[in-house]
Amino acid sequence: MSERPWWKKPRAVYIHIPFCTNKCHYCDFNSFVLKGQPVMDYLDALEREMEQTVKRLEPERVDTIFVGGGTPTVLTPEQMDVFLRMVRTYFPQRSAGAEMTMEANPGTTDMEKLAVMKEGGVNRLSFGVQSFDTELLARIGRIHSVDDVYASLENARKLGFGNVSIDLMFGLPNQTLEQLDRSIQAALALDLQHYSIYGLKVEENTLFHTLFQRNELPLPEEEVELDMYRLIMDRLKAAGYVQYEISNFSKPGFESRHNSAYWRNESYYGLGAGAHGYLEGVRHVNIKGVQPYIDATRKGLPVLEKTSVSRQEAMEDFMMVGLRLLDGVNRQAFREQFGLELEEAFGPLLSRLTRKGLLEETLQGYRLSEAAIMYANDVFGEFVGFFS
């Protein structure tokens, strides 16, 4: 096996803005209610981290930047301008047509703020809509209304944003197939470029987890949740959207380039409180608290922990995340990264999963079978610790 480094310089940047107007009942992301937070001190700290990071590992070319949270659009127009100028300063080496996505919550994007974002280089918006059912939105702790959704999307349209995605959720408390279908139909009526559809996961340190432990969270039965997922796939495919990843659908050419970098197991910068990064074969997590993060950037990089990834672990990761893509894993990409063939690394397992009808061999490599899409985590789990 080749001993050359198997990683490449990062071409993707993730930046975390950890502030929110409120904490949703299902959310375990590193986020904090905005009121009373030292926002400008945080932006100053982000600049210090950016400066130290690119000094240590300068990017050759940036293909994609993703600003997540939290809710980045809780920044005021003035704060947003400061932030985007900073990003342009430290990551100016953009490829032609580079994608810059910003997550947004409906109701936090007026015309002034969106204009600042567009001027600052944001060319893709991702709105956390979750549902077009007002009662269900309140039940999961969202504070926006359905009217806020339409107003925010109309503002984006007027300002010329031509690449817009929304998130929808299924498997929510007391959610029915009929409610989900109405939300899907409302979403499709908007004729957007991209839709992300996520099933609820009850995570620790959330209100929903507390309720679940008390047996007070009325979730749909597993079979109903599977029916919801089937309904989503059927509706979006019938409307002409391509399911290019387990949870993501787009018009041709509007696939999320940033998330695709994760699914191809590529390196990426991770900046901000609680952000994850993957550089030179090492995964890191930043310090999570706002003030501890700010203080840490005054002394060096604000890293909480690092984990070195071996070549064999990276090959396992390549398979687990790559099979999320409906096109599957690519033989040539694996060969270029690791210096050997897919079958040399995973031959017996690939043969077994193919015989069981869970994988299909393609001209390019391997992909999940249509039946396995519903149970993809079971397939991914086969690659965990394969070389152990």
Protein backbone atom coordinates (compact mmCIF):
# COMPACT_ATOMS: atom_id res chain seq x y z
CA MET A 1 0.00 0.00 0.00
CA SER A 2 1.33 3.44 -0.92
CA GLU A 3 2.73 5.49 1.97
CA ARG A 4 2.12 8.86 0.34
CA PRO A 5 -0.23 11.21 2.23
CA TRP A 6 -3.82 10.35 1.35
CA TRP A 7 -5.30 13.76 2.13
CA LYS A 8 -5.40 16.88 0.00
CA LYS A 9 -5.46 20.56 0.86
CA PRO A 10 -8.96 21.66 1.86
CA ARG A 11 -11.17 23.43 -0.65
CA ALA A 12 -14.18 23.68 1.66
CA VAL A 13 -14.73 26.04 4.60
CA TYR A 14 -17.30 25.69 7.37
CA ILE A 15 -17.88 28.70 9.67
CA HIS A 16 -20.09 28.51 12.76
CA ILE A 17 -22.23 31.37 14.08
CA PRO A 18 -23.63 29.95 17.34
CA PHE A 19 -26.39 32.48 18.08
CA CYS A 20 -30.14 31.83 17.82
CA THR A 21 -33.31 33.72 18.66
CA ASN A 22 -34.38 30.68 20.72
CA LYS A 23 -33.49 27.02 21.22
CA CYS A 24 -35.73 24.58 19.33
CA HIS A 25 -37.01 21.55 21.22
CA TYR A 26 -35.07 19.05 19.07
CA CYS A 27 -31.82 20.98 18.61
CA ASP A 28 -28.50 19.70 20.02
CA PHE A 29 -26.32 21.93 17.84
CA ASN A 30 -23.81 24.19 19.54
CA SER A 31 -26.07 27.23 19.79
CA PHE A 32 -26.93 29.91 22.33
CA VAL A 33 -29.83 32.33 22.66
CA LEU A 34 -28.65 35.66 21.22
CA LYS A 35 -29.77 38.02 24.01
CA GLY A 36 -26.80 39.32 25.98
CA GLN A 37 -24.16 37.57 23.88
CA PRO A 38 -20.87 39.35 22.98
CA VAL A 39 -21.44 39.16 19.23
CA MET A 40 -18.72 41.59 18.11
CA ASP A 41 -16.19 39.99 20.48
CA TYR A 42 -17.11 36.67 18.89
CA LEU A 43 -16.54 38.02 15.38
CA ASP A 44 -13.17 39.39 16.49
CA ALA A 45 -12.31 35.94 17.81
CA LEU A 46 -13.37 34.35 14.52
CA GLU A 47 -11.00 36.68 12.72
CA ARG A 48 -8.15 35.64 15.00
CA GLU A 49 -8.89 31.98 14.31
CA MET A 50 -9.09 32.58 10.55
CA GLU A 51 -5.76 34.41 10.57
CA GLN A 52 -4.00 31.67 12.53
CA THR A 53 -5.59 28.89 10.49
CA VAL A 54 -4.65 30.14 7.02
CA LYS A 55 -1.17 31.01 8.27
CA ARG A 56 -0.76 27.38 9.30
CA LEU A 57 -2.40 25.89 6.18
CA GLU A 58 -3.11 28.27 3.32
CA PRO A 59 -5.82 27.09 0.91
CA GLU A 60 -4.91 26.62 -2.74
CA ARG A 61 -8.45 27.33 -3.88
CA VAL A 62 -11.79 27.54 -2.13
CA ASP A 63 -14.70 25.84 -3.91
CA THR A 64 -17.32 26.18 -1.20
CA ILE A 65 -18.01 28.11 2.01
CA PHE A 66 -20.87 27.20 4.33
CA VAL A 67 -21.98 29.46 7.18
CA GLY A 68 -24.05 27.51 9.70
CA GLY A 69 -25.22 27.71 13.25
CA GLY A 70 -27.14 28.56 15.25
CA THR A 71 -28.77 31.05 12.97
CA PRO A 72 -26.21 33.18 11.12
CA THR A 73 -28.94 35.57 9.96
CA VAL A 74 -29.55 36.83 13.51
CA LEU A 75 -26.52 39.06 12.86
CA THR A 76 -27.50 42.66 12.19
CA PRO A 77 -26.77 44.05 8.71
CA GLU A 78 -23.74 45.87 10.15
CA GLN A 79 -22.43 42.74 11.86
CA MET A 80 -23.09 40.71 8.74
CA ASP A 81 -21.04 43.15 6.68
CA VAL A 82 -18.12 42.92 9.11
CA PHE A 83 -18.29 39.14 9.06
CA LEU A 84 -18.43 38.78 5.26
CA ARG A 85 -15.57 41.25 4.74
CA MET A 86 -13.52 39.11 7.11
CA VAL A 87 -14.31 35.94 5.15
CA ARG A 88 -13.26 37.62 1.89
CA THR A 89 -10.01 38.76 3.51
CA TYR A 90 -8.87 35.33 4.68
CA PHE A 91 -10.40 33.15 1.94
CA PRO A 92 -10.02 35.23 -1.23
CA GLN A 93 -8.82 32.35 -3.43
CA ARG A 94 -12.24 31.38 -4.78
CA SER A 95 -12.68 29.11 -7.76
CA ALA A 96 -14.90 30.27 -10.61
CA GLY A 97 -18.50 29.71 -9.58
CA ALA A 98 -17.59 29.00 -5.96
CA GLU A 99 -20.60 28.28 -3.75
CA MET A 100 -21.20 30.30 -0.58
CA THR A 101 -24.15 29.10 1.45
CA MET A 102 -25.67 30.76 4.49
CA GLU A 103 -28.22 29.10 6.72
CA ALA A 104 -31.19 31.31 7.51
CA ASN A 105 -34.35 31.17 9.57
CA PRO A 106 -37.57 32.60 8.14
CA GLY A 107 -38.30 35.93 9.73
CA THR A 108 -34.62 36.87 10.19
CA THR A 109 -33.90 38.00 6.62
CA ASP A 110 -35.26 41.40 5.68
CA MET A 111 -34.32 43.10 2.42
CA GLU A 112 -31.49 45.13 3.96
CA LYS A 113 -29.78 42.10 5.46
CA LEU A 114 -30.20 39.99 2.32
CA ALA A 115 -28.71 42.81 0.23
CA VAL A 116 -25.64 42.87 2.50
CA MET A 117 -25.34 39.10 2.18
CA LYS A 118 -25.56 39.17 -1.60
CA GLU A 119 -23.04 42.00 -1.84
CA GLY A 120 -20.76 40.03 0.49
CA GLY A 121 -20.66 36.99 -1.79
CA VAL A 122 -23.46 34.76 -0.47
CA ASN A 123 -25.01 33.04 -3.50
CA ARG A 124 -26.93 30.18 -1.88
CA LEU A 125 -29.50 30.32 0.94
CA SER A 126 -30.65 27.42 3.09
CA PHE A 127 -33.83 28.16 5.07
CA GLY A 128 -34.82 26.09 8.10
CA VAL A 129 -38.53 25.84 7.31
CA GLN A 130 -39.19 22.35 8.79
CA SER A 131 -42.97 22.41 8.18
CA PHE A 132 -45.77 24.41 6.56
CA ASP A 133 -48.08 23.54 9.48
CA THR A 134 -48.27 26.42 11.97
CA GLU A 135 -49.37 24.27 14.91
CA LEU A 136 -46.61 21.75 14.26
CA LEU A 137 -44.01 24.54 14.07
CA ALA A 138 -45.05 25.71 17.54
CA ARG A 139 -44.99 22.13 18.84
CA ILE A 140 -41.31 21.71 17.90
CA GLY A 141 -40.25 25.10 19.26
CA ARG A 142 -39.94 27.09 16.05
CA ILE A 143 -40.93 30.73 16.42
CA HIS A 144 -41.43 31.58 12.76
CA SER A 145 -44.79 31.39 11.03
CA VAL A 146 -45.71 30.05 7.61
CA ASP A 147 -46.21 33.67 6.53
CA ASP A 148 -42.58 34.35 7.56
CA VAL A 149 -41.50 31.56 5.21
CA TYR A 150 -43.26 33.08 2.21
CA ALA A 151 -42.06 36.61 3.04
CA SER A 152 -38.42 35.52 3.41
CA LEU A 153 -38.44 33.54 0.17
CA GLU A 154 -40.08 36.43 -1.68
CA ASN A 155 -37.39 38.81 -0.40
CA ALA A 156 -34.70 36.42 -1.61
CA ARG A 157 -36.37 36.15 -5.01
CA LYS A 158 -36.63 39.94 -5.39
CA LEU A 159 -32.92 40.32 -4.67
CA GLY A 160 -32.01 37.74 -7.29
CA PHE A 161 -30.95 34.75 -5.23
CA GLY A 162 -31.21 31.91 -7.72
CA ASN A 163 -30.06 29.02 -5.53
CA VAL A 164 -32.35 28.47 -2.55
CA SER A 165 -32.87 25.38 -0.42
CA ILE A 166 -35.30 24.65 2.38
CA ASP A 167 -35.21 22.00 5.11
CA LEU A 168 -38.30 19.96 5.96
CA MET A 169 -38.64 17.46 8.81
CA PHE A 170 -40.68 14.28 9.20
CA GLY A 171 -41.32 11.90 12.07
CA LEU A 172 -42.31 14.81 14.32
CA PRO A 173 -44.54 14.46 17.40
CA ASN A 174 -48.16 13.77 16.39
CA GLN A 175 -47.28 14.38 12.73
CA THR A 176 -49.47 12.50 10.27
CA LEU A 177 -48.87 11.44 6.68
CA GLU A 178 -51.53 13.91 5.60
CA GLN A 179 -49.81 16.81 7.39
CA LEU A 180 -46.49 15.88 5.83
CA ASP A 181 -48.04 15.60 2.38
CA ARG A 182 -49.53 19.10 2.67
CA SER A 183 -46.11 20.49 3.65
CA ILE A 184 -44.44 18.73 0.72
CA GLN A 185 -47.03 20.06 -1.71
CA ALA A 186 -46.61 23.60 -0.31
CA ALA A 187 -42.84 23.30 -0.61
CA LEU A 188 -42.98 22.04 -4.19
CA ALA A 189 -45.34 24.85 -5.17
CA LEU A 190 -42.42 27.23 -4.49
CA ASP A 191 -40.40 25.60 -7.32
CA LEU A 192 -37.09 25.96 -5.44
CA GLN A 193 -33.74 24.60 -6.54
CA HIS A 194 -33.10 22.28 -3.58
CA TYR A 195 -34.87 20.46 -0.74
CA SER A 196 -33.35 18.72 2.29
CA ILE A 197 -35.63 16.31 4.14
CA TYR A 198 -34.66 15.04 7.59
CA GLY A 199 -36.22 12.56 9.97
CA LEU A 200 -36.37 13.65 13.61
CA LYS A 201 -33.61 12.21 15.80
CA VAL A 202 -34.14 12.55 19.54
CA GLU A 203 -30.77 13.79 20.77
CA GLU A 204 -29.51 14.06 24.32
CA ASN A 205 -29.53 17.47 26.03
CA THR A 206 -32.72 18.54 24.26
CA LEU A 207 -36.23 19.13 25.54
CA PHE A 208 -37.48 16.34 23.29
CA HIS A 209 -35.05 13.91 24.93
CA THR A 210 -36.38 14.83 28.36
CA LEU A 211 -39.94 14.28 27.16
CA PHE A 212 -38.96 11.01 25.48
CA GLN A 213 -37.45 9.75 28.73
CA ARG A 214 -40.75 10.53 30.45
CA ASN A 215 -42.68 8.75 27.71
CA GLU A 216 -44.32 12.09 26.86
CA LEU A 217 -43.17 12.43 23.23
CA PRO A 218 -45.84 10.99 20.89
CA LEU A 219 -43.71 10.03 17.87
CA PRO A 220 -45.07 8.24 14.78
CA GLU A 221 -44.62 4.47 14.65
CA GLU A 222 -41.56 3.23 12.77
CA GLU A 223 -43.65 1.92 9.87
CA VAL A 224 -45.43 5.29 9.56
CA GLU A 225 -42.04 7.03 9.52
CA LEU A 226 -40.92 4.74 6.68
CA ASP A 227 -44.14 5.56 4.83
CA MET A 228 -43.33 9.26 5.31
CA TYR A 229 -39.91 8.80 3.76
CA ARG A 230 -41.39 6.86 0.83
CA LEU A 231 -43.95 9.61 0.33
CA ILE A 232 -41.20 12.25 0.24
CA MET A 233 -39.20 10.33 -2.34
CA ASP A 234 -42.25 9.70 -4.52
CA ARG A 235 -43.49 13.30 -4.42
CA LEU A 236 -40.14 14.94 -5.14
CA LYS A 237 -39.17 12.53 -7.88
CA ALA A 238 -42.56 12.98 -9.54
CA ALA A 239 -41.94 16.74 -9.48
CA GLY A 240 -38.68 16.28 -11.39
CA TYR A 241 -36.19 16.53 -8.53
CA VAL A 242 -33.15 14.26 -8.43
CA GLN A 243 -32.48 12.42 -5.18
CA TYR A 244 -28.71 12.70 -5.21
CA GLU A 245 -28.21 11.84 -1.52
CA ILE A 246 -30.30 10.00 1.04
CA SER A 247 -31.85 13.20 2.45
CA ASN A 248 -31.33 15.65 -0.40
CA PHE A 249 -33.13 16.44 -3.65
CA SER A 250 -32.31 19.06 -6.25
CA LYS A 251 -32.87 20.27 -9.74
CA PRO A 252 -29.97 19.17 -11.97
CA GLY A 253 -26.89 21.28 -11.29
CA PHE A 254 -28.08 22.56 -7.91
CA GLU A 255 -26.67 19.82 -5.67
CA SER A 256 -25.07 21.17 -2.49
CA ARG A 257 -21.39 21.38 -3.35
CA HIS A 258 -20.40 21.90 0.27
CA ASN A 259 -22.17 18.87 1.67
CA SER A 260 -20.92 16.86 -1.29
CA ALA A 261 -17.37 17.59 -0.09
CA TYR A 262 -18.27 15.91 3.22
CA TRP A 263 -19.82 12.93 1.44
CA ARG A 264 -16.66 12.53 -0.63
CA ASN A 265 -14.68 12.53 2.64
CA GLU A 266 -12.63 15.56 1.60
CA SER A 267 -10.68 17.85 3.92
CA TYR A 268 -12.32 21.05 5.16
CA TYR A 269 -11.65 23.98 7.46
CA GLY A 270 -13.88 24.21 10.54
CA LEU A 271 -13.99 27.64 12.19
CA GLY A 272 -15.97 28.99 15.13
CA ALA A 273 -17.21 27.78 18.51
CA GLY A 274 -17.85 24.04 18.45
CA ALA A 275 -16.97 23.74 14.76
CA HIS A 276 -15.55 20.48 13.40
CA GLY A 277 -12.68 20.48 10.90
CA TYR A 278 -10.70 17.85 9.00
CA LEU A 279 -7.19 18.87 7.97
CA GLU A 280 -4.15 16.80 6.97
CA GLY A 281 -5.70 13.59 8.26
CA VAL A 282 -6.68 15.04 11.64
CA ARG A 283 -10.23 15.75 12.79
CA HIS A 284 -10.66 18.48 15.37
CA VAL A 285 -13.47 20.00 17.43
CA ASN A 286 -13.28 23.57 18.67
CA ILE A 287 -14.09 24.78 22.18
CA LYS A 288 -17.87 25.11 22.39
CA GLY A 289 -18.71 27.90 24.84
CA VAL A 290 -18.83 31.42 23.42
CA GLN A 291 -16.65 33.17 26.01
CA PRO A 292 -14.21 30.23 26.41
CA TYR A 293 -13.84 30.19 22.61
CA ILE A 294 -13.18 33.94 22.54
CA ASP A 295 -10.57 33.65 25.31
CA ALA A 296 -8.86 30.68 23.65
CA THR A 297 -8.32 32.53 20.35
CA ARG A 298 -6.18 35.07 22.22
CA LYS A 299 -3.71 32.31 23.08
CA GLY A 300 -3.73 30.20 19.92
CA LEU A 301 -6.06 27.97 17.98
CA PRO A 302 -9.24 27.28 20.01
CA VAL A 303 -9.13 23.49 19.63
CA LEU A 304 -10.89 21.32 22.21
CA GLU A 305 -9.70 17.95 20.93
CA LYS A 306 -7.92 16.34 17.98
CA THR A 307 -8.15 12.85 16.54
CA SER A 308 -5.68 11.47 14.01
CA VAL A 309 -7.34 9.38 11.31
CA SER A 310 -5.36 6.43 10.00
CA ARG A 311 -5.35 5.54 6.32
CA GLN A 312 -7.53 2.49 7.05
CA GLU A 313 -10.03 4.54 9.09
CA ALA A 314 -10.15 7.06 6.25
CA MET A 315 -10.98 4.25 3.81
CA GLU A 316 -13.84 3.12 6.07
CA ASP A 317 -15.07 6.73 6.30
CA PHE A 318 -14.86 7.06 2.51
CA MET A 319 -17.29 4.17 2.15
CA MET A 320 -19.70 5.20 4.91
CA VAL A 321 -20.18 8.77 3.76
CA GLY A 322 -19.77 8.06 0.05
CA LEU A 323 -22.59 5.53 0.00
CA ARG A 324 -24.96 8.28 1.18
CA LEU A 325 -24.73 9.59 -2.38
CA LEU A 326 -27.17 7.83 -4.69
CA ASP A 327 -24.42 7.56 -7.34
CA GLY A 328 -22.36 5.77 -4.70
CA VAL A 329 -18.61 5.50 -4.24
CA ASN A 330 -16.27 6.04 -7.14
CA ARG A 331 -13.50 3.55 -7.91
CA GLN A 332 -11.21 6.12 -9.48
CA ALA A 333 -11.57 8.58 -6.58
CA PHE A 334 -10.72 5.79 -4.11
CA ARG A 335 -7.71 4.77 -6.18
CA GLU A 336 -6.46 8.36 -6.45
CA GLN A 337 -6.82 8.96 -2.72
CA PHE A 338 -5.53 5.69 -1.31
CA GLY A 339 -3.43 4.09 -4.05
CA LEU A 340 -5.37 0.82 -4.31
CA GLU A 341 -8.59 -0.60 -5.73
CA LEU A 342 -11.88 -0.72 -3.85
CA GLU A 343 -11.93 -4.50 -4.16
CA GLU A 344 -8.41 -4.78 -2.73
CA ALA A 345 -9.59 -3.02 0.40
CA PHE A 346 -13.17 -4.30 0.80
CA GLY A 347 -13.58 -7.15 -1.70
CA PRO A 348 -15.25 -9.80 0.54
CA LEU A 349 -17.60 -7.27 2.16
CA LEU A 350 -18.58 -5.71 -1.17
CA SER A 351 -19.31 -9.16 -2.59
CA ARG A 352 -21.43 -10.14 0.43
CA LEU A 353 -23.47 -6.90 0.42
CA THR A 354 -23.97 -7.20 -3.34
CA ARG A 355 -25.17 -10.81 -3.04
CA LYS A 356 -27.63 -9.73 -0.32
CA GLY A 357 -29.05 -7.09 -2.67
CA LEU A 358 -27.91 -4.15 -0.52
CA LEU A 359 -25.27 -2.84 -2.93
CA GLU A 360 -25.15 -2.67 -6.71
CA GLU A 361 -21.96 -2.61 -8.74
CA THR A 362 -21.85 0.20 -11.31
CA LEU A 363 -19.40 1.14 -14.04
CA GLN A 364 -17.91 3.70 -11.62
CA GLY A 365 -18.00 1.73 -8.37
CA TYR A 366 -20.76 0.71 -5.95
CA ARG A 367 -24.02 2.26 -4.77
CA LEU A 368 -26.88 1.41 -2.45
CA SER A 369 -29.64 -0.63 -4.03
CA GLU A 370 -33.06 0.99 -4.12
CA ALA A 371 -34.28 -1.34 -1.37
CA ALA A 372 -31.27 -0.53 0.85
CA ILE A 373 -31.92 3.22 0.81
CA MET A 374 -34.58 2.67 3.49
CA TYR A 375 -32.10 0.86 5.73
CA ALA A 376 -28.88 2.64 4.77
CA ASN A 377 -27.49 2.89 8.30
CA ASP A 378 -27.32 -0.89 8.48
CA VAL A 379 -25.13 -0.91 5.36
CA PHE A 380 -22.90 1.89 6.65
CA GLY A 381 -22.44 0.01 9.90
CA GLU A 382 -20.84 -2.89 8.01
CA PHE A 383 -17.82 -0.69 7.29
CA VAL A 384 -17.31 0.51 10.89
CA GLY A 385 -14.13 -1.06 12.23
CA PHE A 386 -13.74 -3.23 9.12
CA PHE A 387 -9.94 -3.22 9.48
CA SER A 388 -9.94 -3.67 13.26
